[in-house]
Amino acid sequence: MSIKRVNAGPRMSSAVIHGDTVYLAGLTADDAKADVKGQTKQILDKIDHFLKEAGTDKSKILSANIWLTDIGTWSQMNEVWDAWVSPGNAPARATVEAKLANPALKVEIMVQCAK
């Protein structure tokens, strides 16, 4: 079975497609000055972009991992997530508090999706 890598770099790829499964890297916002809602929106837009490039969409997301630098912002992130997630197609999901590589970042999201 072939493996296709999207935006492959020396350290990581933005997405990897293996068979009928798409694996996205942990994605973060480009504008780290945005609040949790703004960063979440930017990330979800990136997810939509990479899934479209891979030939699928958010209605087929299987699982999601979300990292927040402050778990107290969980409801703010969820406000944006809930408006975005495909109705009736919510993935398995985990959300945890963690330090991120850039202290200005507040959210990181990684998903796996069927084609």
N, C-alpha and C. Protein backbone atom coordinates (compact mmCIF):
# COMPACT_ATOMS: atom_id res chain seq x y z
N MET A 1 0.85 -1.17 0.00
CA MET A 1 0.00 0.00 0.00
C MET A 1 0.90 1.24 0.00
N SER A 2 0.57 2.20 -0.82
CA SER A 2 1.42 3.39 -0.94
C SER A 2 1.20 4.37 0.21
N ILE A 3 2.21 5.18 0.42
CA ILE A 3 2.16 6.25 1.43
C ILE A 3 2.43 7.56 0.70
N LYS A 4 1.54 8.54 0.90
CA LYS A 4 1.71 9.87 0.31
C LYS A 4 1.92 10.86 1.45
N ARG A 5 2.94 11.70 1.31
CA ARG A 5 3.24 12.71 2.33
C ARG A 5 2.96 14.10 1.77
N VAL A 6 2.28 14.93 2.57
CA VAL A 6 1.92 16.29 2.17
C VAL A 6 2.79 17.27 2.96
N ASN A 7 3.41 18.21 2.25
CA ASN A 7 4.32 19.18 2.88
C ASN A 7 5.40 18.47 3.68
N ALA A 8 5.99 17.47 3.08
CA ALA A 8 7.03 16.70 3.76
C ALA A 8 8.28 17.55 3.93
N GLY A 9 8.77 17.58 5.15
CA GLY A 9 10.00 18.29 5.45
C GLY A 9 10.99 17.34 6.08
N PRO A 10 12.12 17.84 6.52
CA PRO A 10 13.14 16.98 7.12
C PRO A 10 12.72 16.41 8.47
N ARG A 11 11.80 17.08 9.16
CA ARG A 11 11.37 16.64 10.49
C ARG A 11 10.00 15.99 10.48
N MET A 12 9.09 16.50 9.68
CA MET A 12 7.72 16.01 9.71
C MET A 12 6.97 16.38 8.44
N SER A 13 5.82 15.77 8.26
CA SER A 13 4.90 16.10 7.16
C SER A 13 3.64 16.70 7.77
N SER A 14 2.98 17.57 7.04
CA SER A 14 1.71 18.14 7.53
C SER A 14 0.62 17.07 7.55
N ALA A 15 0.69 16.15 6.59
CA ALA A 15 -0.27 15.05 6.51
C ALA A 15 0.40 13.85 5.88
N VAL A 16 -0.07 12.68 6.28
CA VAL A 16 0.39 11.43 5.68
C VAL A 16 -0.86 10.62 5.34
N ILE A 17 -0.92 10.13 4.10
CA ILE A 17 -2.05 9.34 3.64
C ILE A 17 -1.56 7.92 3.41
N HIS A 18 -2.17 6.99 4.09
CA HIS A 18 -1.82 5.58 3.96
C HIS A 18 -3.12 4.81 3.74
N GLY A 19 -3.28 4.27 2.56
CA GLY A 19 -4.53 3.59 2.24
C GLY A 19 -5.70 4.56 2.32
N ASP A 20 -6.68 4.21 3.11
CA ASP A 20 -7.86 5.05 3.26
C ASP A 20 -7.86 5.85 4.56
N THR A 21 -6.67 6.06 5.12
CA THR A 21 -6.58 6.83 6.36
C THR A 21 -5.64 8.02 6.17
N VAL A 22 -6.06 9.17 6.69
CA VAL A 22 -5.28 10.40 6.63
C VAL A 22 -4.88 10.77 8.05
N TYR A 23 -3.60 10.98 8.25
CA TYR A 23 -3.06 11.36 9.55
C TYR A 23 -2.53 12.78 9.44
N LEU A 24 -3.08 13.71 10.21
CA LEU A 24 -2.57 15.08 10.21
C LEU A 24 -1.60 15.25 11.36
N ALA A 25 -0.60 16.08 11.15
CA ALA A 25 0.34 16.44 12.21
C ALA A 25 -0.39 17.28 13.24
N GLY A 26 0.21 17.48 14.39
CA GLY A 26 -0.33 18.43 15.35
C GLY A 26 -0.24 19.81 14.74
N LEU A 27 -1.37 20.47 14.59
CA LEU A 27 -1.42 21.78 13.92
C LEU A 27 -1.62 22.89 14.94
N THR A 28 -0.97 24.01 14.70
CA THR A 28 -1.09 25.18 15.55
C THR A 28 -1.45 26.40 14.71
N ALA A 29 -1.81 27.47 15.37
CA ALA A 29 -2.22 28.69 14.68
C ALA A 29 -1.00 29.41 14.10
N ASP A 30 -1.21 30.14 13.02
CA ASP A 30 -0.16 30.99 12.46
C ASP A 30 -0.05 32.30 13.23
N ASP A 31 -1.18 32.80 13.73
CA ASP A 31 -1.20 34.04 14.51
C ASP A 31 -1.25 33.69 16.00
N ALA A 32 -0.10 33.60 16.61
CA ALA A 32 -0.01 33.21 18.02
C ALA A 32 -0.51 34.31 18.96
N LYS A 33 -0.79 35.50 18.42
CA LYS A 33 -1.31 36.59 19.26
C LYS A 33 -2.82 36.46 19.47
N ALA A 34 -3.47 35.61 18.68
CA ALA A 34 -4.92 35.41 18.81
C ALA A 34 -5.24 34.70 20.11
N ASP A 35 -6.48 34.89 20.60
CA ASP A 35 -6.91 34.20 21.81
C ASP A 35 -7.23 32.74 21.48
N VAL A 36 -7.66 31.98 22.47
CA VAL A 36 -7.93 30.55 22.28
C VAL A 36 -8.95 30.33 21.16
N LYS A 37 -10.01 31.11 21.13
CA LYS A 37 -11.01 30.95 20.08
C LYS A 37 -10.40 31.21 18.70
N GLY A 38 -9.63 32.29 18.60
CA GLY A 38 -9.01 32.64 17.33
C GLY A 38 -8.02 31.59 16.87
N GLN A 39 -7.20 31.08 17.79
CA GLN A 39 -6.24 30.05 17.44
C GLN A 39 -6.96 28.76 17.03
N THR A 40 -8.00 28.40 17.76
CA THR A 40 -8.76 27.20 17.42
C THR A 40 -9.35 27.32 16.01
N LYS A 41 -9.92 28.45 15.69
CA LYS A 41 -10.51 28.68 14.36
C LYS A 41 -9.45 28.54 13.28
N GLN A 42 -8.27 29.12 13.50
CA GLN A 42 -7.20 29.01 12.51
C GLN A 42 -6.81 27.55 12.28
N ILE A 43 -6.70 26.80 13.36
CA ILE A 43 -6.31 25.39 13.26
C ILE A 43 -7.38 24.59 12.52
N LEU A 44 -8.64 24.81 12.85
CA LEU A 44 -9.72 24.07 12.19
C LEU A 44 -9.77 24.40 10.70
N ASP A 45 -9.46 25.63 10.34
CA ASP A 45 -9.37 25.99 8.91
C ASP A 45 -8.24 25.21 8.23
N LYS A 46 -7.11 25.06 8.93
CA LYS A 46 -5.99 24.27 8.39
C LYS A 46 -6.41 22.80 8.23
N ILE A 47 -7.12 22.28 9.22
CA ILE A 47 -7.58 20.89 9.12
C ILE A 47 -8.46 20.72 7.89
N ASP A 48 -9.43 21.64 7.70
CA ASP A 48 -10.28 21.58 6.51
C ASP A 48 -9.44 21.58 5.23
N HIS A 49 -8.43 22.44 5.18
CA HIS A 49 -7.56 22.55 4.00
C HIS A 49 -6.82 21.24 3.72
N PHE A 50 -6.15 20.69 4.73
CA PHE A 50 -5.37 19.47 4.53
C PHE A 50 -6.26 18.26 4.23
N LEU A 51 -7.43 18.19 4.85
CA LEU A 51 -8.34 17.07 4.55
C LEU A 51 -8.85 17.17 3.12
N LYS A 52 -9.16 18.37 2.67
CA LYS A 52 -9.60 18.55 1.28
C LYS A 52 -8.49 18.13 0.32
N GLU A 53 -7.26 18.53 0.63
CA GLU A 53 -6.12 18.17 -0.20
C GLU A 53 -5.95 16.66 -0.26
N ALA A 54 -6.31 15.98 0.83
CA ALA A 54 -6.19 14.52 0.90
C ALA A 54 -7.40 13.80 0.31
N GLY A 55 -8.42 14.55 -0.10
CA GLY A 55 -9.59 13.93 -0.71
C GLY A 55 -10.66 13.50 0.27
N THR A 56 -10.74 14.17 1.42
CA THR A 56 -11.75 13.83 2.41
C THR A 56 -12.23 15.11 3.10
N ASP A 57 -12.99 14.95 4.18
CA ASP A 57 -13.49 16.13 4.89
C ASP A 57 -13.77 15.79 6.35
N LYS A 58 -14.13 16.82 7.11
CA LYS A 58 -14.30 16.67 8.57
C LYS A 58 -15.40 15.70 8.96
N SER A 59 -16.31 15.38 8.07
CA SER A 59 -17.37 14.43 8.42
C SER A 59 -16.83 13.01 8.61
N LYS A 60 -15.59 12.79 8.19
CA LYS A 60 -14.99 11.46 8.28
C LYS A 60 -13.85 11.39 9.29
N ILE A 61 -13.73 12.41 10.15
CA ILE A 61 -12.69 12.39 11.18
C ILE A 61 -12.99 11.25 12.15
N LEU A 62 -11.98 10.45 12.41
CA LEU A 62 -12.10 9.31 13.32
C LEU A 62 -11.76 9.68 14.75
N SER A 63 -10.67 10.42 14.92
CA SER A 63 -10.25 10.80 16.27
C SER A 63 -9.51 12.13 16.25
N ALA A 64 -9.52 12.78 17.40
CA ALA A 64 -8.83 14.06 17.55
C ALA A 64 -8.16 14.12 18.91
N ASN A 65 -6.95 14.68 18.92
CA ASN A 65 -6.25 14.98 20.17
C ASN A 65 -6.07 16.48 20.22
N ILE A 66 -6.43 17.07 21.35
CA ILE A 66 -6.33 18.51 21.51
C ILE A 66 -5.51 18.81 22.75
N TRP A 67 -4.54 19.69 22.57
CA TRP A 67 -3.71 20.13 23.68
C TRP A 67 -3.97 21.61 23.93
N LEU A 68 -4.25 21.96 25.17
CA LEU A 68 -4.46 23.35 25.60
C LEU A 68 -3.39 23.70 26.62
N THR A 69 -2.83 24.89 26.52
CA THR A 69 -1.84 25.30 27.53
C THR A 69 -2.50 25.61 28.86
N ASP A 70 -3.81 25.89 28.83
CA ASP A 70 -4.57 26.16 30.05
C ASP A 70 -5.92 25.45 29.92
N ILE A 71 -6.10 24.37 30.67
CA ILE A 71 -7.34 23.59 30.58
C ILE A 71 -8.56 24.45 30.97
N GLY A 72 -8.32 25.55 31.63
CA GLY A 72 -9.40 26.48 31.97
C GLY A 72 -10.01 27.15 30.75
N THR A 73 -9.36 27.03 29.59
CA THR A 73 -9.90 27.60 28.35
C THR A 73 -10.67 26.56 27.54
N TRP A 74 -10.91 25.40 28.15
CA TRP A 74 -11.59 24.29 27.49
C TRP A 74 -12.92 24.72 26.87
N SER A 75 -13.73 25.48 27.62
CA SER A 75 -15.05 25.88 27.10
C SER A 75 -14.92 26.85 25.93
N GLN A 76 -13.90 27.70 25.94
CA GLN A 76 -13.68 28.63 24.82
C GLN A 76 -13.31 27.86 23.55
N MET A 77 -12.42 26.89 23.69
CA MET A 77 -12.04 26.07 22.55
C MET A 77 -13.26 25.30 22.05
N ASN A 78 -14.03 24.71 22.99
CA ASN A 78 -15.21 23.93 22.61
C ASN A 78 -16.26 24.75 21.90
N GLU A 79 -16.37 26.02 22.21
CA GLU A 79 -17.35 26.87 21.53
C GLU A 79 -17.07 26.89 20.03
N VAL A 80 -15.81 27.01 19.67
CA VAL A 80 -15.42 27.03 18.25
C VAL A 80 -15.51 25.61 17.66
N TRP A 81 -15.01 24.63 18.40
CA TRP A 81 -15.05 23.23 17.95
C TRP A 81 -16.48 22.79 17.68
N ASP A 82 -17.40 23.05 18.63
CA ASP A 82 -18.79 22.60 18.49
C ASP A 82 -19.48 23.21 17.28
N ALA A 83 -19.13 24.45 16.94
CA ALA A 83 -19.72 25.10 15.77
C ALA A 83 -19.14 24.53 14.48
N TRP A 84 -17.95 23.94 14.56
CA TRP A 84 -17.25 23.43 13.38
C TRP A 84 -17.51 21.95 13.11
N VAL A 85 -17.56 21.14 14.15
CA VAL A 85 -17.62 19.68 13.97
C VAL A 85 -18.87 19.30 13.17
N SER A 86 -18.72 18.29 12.32
CA SER A 86 -19.82 17.85 11.46
C SER A 86 -20.93 17.22 12.32
N PRO A 87 -22.17 17.77 12.25
CA PRO A 87 -23.27 17.24 13.06
C PRO A 87 -23.48 15.75 12.83
N GLY A 88 -23.56 15.00 13.92
CA GLY A 88 -23.75 13.57 13.85
C GLY A 88 -22.49 12.78 13.56
N ASN A 89 -21.36 13.47 13.40
CA ASN A 89 -20.11 12.81 13.05
C ASN A 89 -18.97 13.18 14.00
N ALA A 90 -19.29 13.43 15.26
CA ALA A 90 -18.25 13.80 16.22
C ALA A 90 -17.26 12.65 16.38
N PRO A 91 -15.96 12.96 16.31
CA PRO A 91 -14.95 11.91 16.45
C PRO A 91 -14.70 11.53 17.90
N ALA A 92 -14.00 10.43 18.10
CA ALA A 92 -13.45 10.14 19.42
C ALA A 92 -12.45 11.27 19.69
N ARG A 93 -12.38 11.75 20.94
CA ARG A 93 -11.55 12.92 21.19
C ARG A 93 -10.98 12.91 22.60
N ALA A 94 -9.77 13.42 22.73
CA ALA A 94 -9.16 13.65 24.03
C ALA A 94 -8.66 15.08 24.07
N THR A 95 -8.82 15.75 25.20
CA THR A 95 -8.32 17.10 25.38
C THR A 95 -7.55 17.14 26.70
N VAL A 96 -6.31 17.60 26.64
CA VAL A 96 -5.48 17.66 27.83
C VAL A 96 -4.73 18.98 27.91
N GLU A 97 -4.25 19.30 29.09
CA GLU A 97 -3.42 20.48 29.30
C GLU A 97 -1.97 20.08 29.09
N ALA A 98 -1.23 20.92 28.36
CA ALA A 98 0.18 20.63 28.10
C ALA A 98 0.92 21.91 27.74
N LYS A 99 2.22 21.93 28.00
CA LYS A 99 3.06 23.01 27.50
C LYS A 99 3.30 22.75 26.02
N LEU A 100 3.25 23.81 25.21
CA LEU A 100 3.52 23.69 23.79
C LEU A 100 4.91 24.26 23.49
N ALA A 101 5.45 23.93 22.34
CA ALA A 101 6.81 24.33 21.98
C ALA A 101 7.01 25.85 22.00
N ASN A 102 6.01 26.59 21.54
CA ASN A 102 6.06 28.05 21.55
C ASN A 102 5.13 28.53 22.66
N PRO A 103 5.64 29.25 23.65
CA PRO A 103 4.79 29.69 24.77
C PRO A 103 3.62 30.58 24.37
N ALA A 104 3.66 31.19 23.18
CA ALA A 104 2.56 32.04 22.73
C ALA A 104 1.39 31.21 22.20
N LEU A 105 1.64 29.98 21.84
CA LEU A 105 0.58 29.12 21.33
C LEU A 105 -0.28 28.62 22.49
N LYS A 106 -1.58 28.55 22.24
CA LYS A 106 -2.53 28.15 23.27
C LYS A 106 -3.22 26.82 22.96
N VAL A 107 -3.20 26.41 21.69
CA VAL A 107 -3.94 25.22 21.23
C VAL A 107 -3.12 24.48 20.18
N GLU A 108 -3.19 23.16 20.24
CA GLU A 108 -2.66 22.31 19.16
C GLU A 108 -3.67 21.18 18.96
N ILE A 109 -3.95 20.86 17.70
CA ILE A 109 -4.92 19.82 17.38
C ILE A 109 -4.33 18.87 16.35
N MET A 110 -4.57 17.58 16.56
CA MET A 110 -4.12 16.53 15.64
C MET A 110 -5.31 15.61 15.38
N VAL A 111 -5.56 15.27 14.12
CA VAL A 111 -6.67 14.39 13.78
C VAL A 111 -6.24 13.25 12.87
N GLN A 112 -7.02 12.18 12.91
CA GLN A 112 -6.93 11.08 11.98
C GLN A 112 -8.28 10.97 11.30
N CYS A 113 -8.28 10.71 10.01
CA CYS A 113 -9.51 10.76 9.24
C CYS A 113 -9.56 9.64 8.20
N ALA A 114 -10.75 9.13 7.95
CA ALA A 114 -10.96 8.17 6.86
C ALA A 114 -11.11 8.94 5.55
N LYS A 115 -10.82 8.27 4.46
CA LYS A 115 -11.01 8.90 3.14
C LYS A 115 -12.41 8.65 2.64
